[in-house]
Amino acid sequence: QVQMVESGGGLVQAGASLRLACVASGQILSSYGMGWFRQAPGAEREFVAVVRWRSNAKFYADSVKGRFTISRVAATNTVYLEMNSLKPEDTAVYYCAADTFSGGTYYLWKEYEYWGQGTQVTVSS
């Protein structure tokens, strides 16, 4: 069993930066990927970024590529999401997720078993 707790959300102006953190308790297997999804009101949960635990390979949604950076600290089971040049359309609840990494489906939220409770990010224009 893996439990995950996010932190770092908040209210910022467009162009600002935020860093989200997610700490996982329990065993994070080397086969896992840990990533971030987000969900805006009335919208489906969407992929943001994922890091493959074994190789540290990183994958991003096109909408955040070049602005967001995902990183991990294996020793503490922590994954970070550094968000720069934030836009109003980045406003959403951000969720941390983990499960066995699959190269073909890592961007599908339904493929993840373990989730955090979410943290709100609001970007004002």
Foldseek 3Di string as FASTA:
>chain_A
DKAKAKDWADEEAAQAKTKMKMFIDDDDDQQKKKAKWWDDPPGDIWGAKIARNNPRDIDGDPVQPPFWDWGADVVGRMIMIIGGRDDQVVWTWMKMFMDGDDPVCNGPPVVTDYIYPTDTHGYHD
